[in-house]
Amino acid sequence: MDDALWERGRGWALSMALIALPYYWDTNPAIVQVSLRTLTELLGTTPTAP
């Protein structure tokens, strides 16, 4: 696997986390936690509540 493949994978994970976070904020805390962890791992910081 080359670096470009890893970058695309990180982009996909970022996209999914950003979409899921506000959508499930009030209805599915488990997905919210996964999204927050994903964003923390990708960005190196913990996002704040919307």
C-alpha atoms as a PDB file:
ATOM      1  CA  MET A   1       0.000   0.000   0.000  1.00  0.00           C
ATOM      2  CA  ASP A   2       1.311   3.388  -0.927  1.00  0.00           C
ATOM      3  CA  ASP A   3       0.944   6.746   0.820  1.00  0.00           C
ATOM      4  CA  ALA A   4      -1.844   7.869  -1.499  1.00  0.00           C
ATOM      5  CA  LEU A   5      -3.979   4.903  -0.461  1.00  0.00           C
ATOM      6  CA  TRP A   6      -3.551   5.788   3.219  1.00  0.00           C
ATOM      7  CA  GLU A   7      -4.462   9.424   2.504  1.00  0.00           C
ATOM      8  CA  ARG A   8      -7.648   8.356   0.715  1.00  0.00           C
ATOM      9  CA  GLY A   9      -8.522   6.092   3.632  1.00  0.00           C
ATOM     10  CA  ARG A  10      -8.035   8.910   6.117  1.00  0.00           C
ATOM     11  CA  GLY A  11     -10.158  11.184   3.938  1.00  0.00           C
ATOM     12  CA  TRP A  12     -12.929   8.605   3.817  1.00  0.00           C
ATOM     13  CA  ALA A  13     -12.830   8.149   7.609  1.00  0.00           C
ATOM     14  CA  LEU A  14     -12.895  11.921   8.122  1.00  0.00           C
ATOM     15  CA  SER A  15     -15.881  12.270   5.810  1.00  0.00           C
ATOM     16  CA  MET A  16     -17.874   9.518   7.511  1.00  0.00           C
ATOM     17  CA  ALA A  17     -17.139  10.879  10.988  1.00  0.00           C
ATOM     18  CA  LEU A  18     -18.138  14.418  10.025  1.00  0.00           C
ATOM     19  CA  ILE A  19     -21.404  13.220   8.494  1.00  0.00           C
ATOM     20  CA  ALA A  20     -22.334  10.860  11.339  1.00  0.00           C
ATOM     21  CA  LEU A  21     -21.503  13.168  14.239  1.00  0.00           C
ATOM     22  CA  PRO A  22     -24.296  15.752  13.878  1.00  0.00           C
ATOM     23  CA  TYR A  23     -26.776  13.260  12.410  1.00  0.00           C
ATOM     24  CA  TYR A  24     -26.595  10.873  15.374  1.00  0.00           C
ATOM     25  CA  TRP A  25     -25.750  13.404  18.101  1.00  0.00           C
ATOM     26  CA  ASP A  26     -29.092  13.032  19.930  1.00  0.00           C
ATOM     27  CA  THR A  27     -30.072   9.507  18.893  1.00  0.00           C
ATOM     28  CA  ASN A  28     -27.067   7.171  18.868  1.00  0.00           C
ATOM     29  CA  PRO A  29     -24.365   7.851  21.448  1.00  0.00           C
ATOM     30  CA  ALA A  30     -22.284   4.848  20.362  1.00  0.00           C
ATOM     31  CA  ILE A  31     -21.830   6.195  16.833  1.00  0.00           C
ATOM     32  CA  VAL A  32     -21.122   9.652  18.259  1.00  0.00           C
ATOM     33  CA  GLN A  33     -18.321   8.186  20.394  1.00  0.00           C
ATOM     34  CA  VAL A  34     -16.825   6.366  17.399  1.00  0.00           C
ATOM     35  CA  SER A  35     -17.011   9.562  15.341  1.00  0.00           C
ATOM     36  CA  LEU A  36     -15.362  11.603  18.084  1.00  0.00           C
ATOM     37  CA  ARG A  37     -12.583   9.039  18.466  1.00  0.00           C
ATOM     38  CA  THR A  38     -12.048   8.964  14.709  1.00  0.00           C
ATOM     39  CA  LEU A  39     -11.785  12.751  14.564  1.00  0.00           C
ATOM     40  CA  THR A  40      -9.442  12.781  17.543  1.00  0.00           C
ATOM     41  CA  GLU A  41      -7.169  10.218  15.903  1.00  0.00           C
ATOM     42  CA  LEU A  42      -7.186  11.976  12.534  1.00  0.00           C
ATOM     43  CA  LEU A  43      -6.878  15.555  13.759  1.00  0.00           C
ATOM     44  CA  GLY A  44      -5.036  15.095  17.022  1.00  0.00           C
ATOM     45  CA  THR A  45      -7.608  17.110  18.988  1.00  0.00           C
ATOM     46  CA  THR A  46     -10.990  16.424  20.533  1.00  0.00           C
ATOM     47  CA  PRO A  47     -13.830  18.274  18.775  1.00  0.00           C
ATOM     48  CA  THR A  48     -16.347  20.215  20.851  1.00  0.00           C
ATOM     49  CA  ALA A  49     -20.122  19.774  20.849  1.00  0.00           C
ATOM     50  CA  PRO A  50     -22.067  21.374  18.003  1.00  0.00           C
END
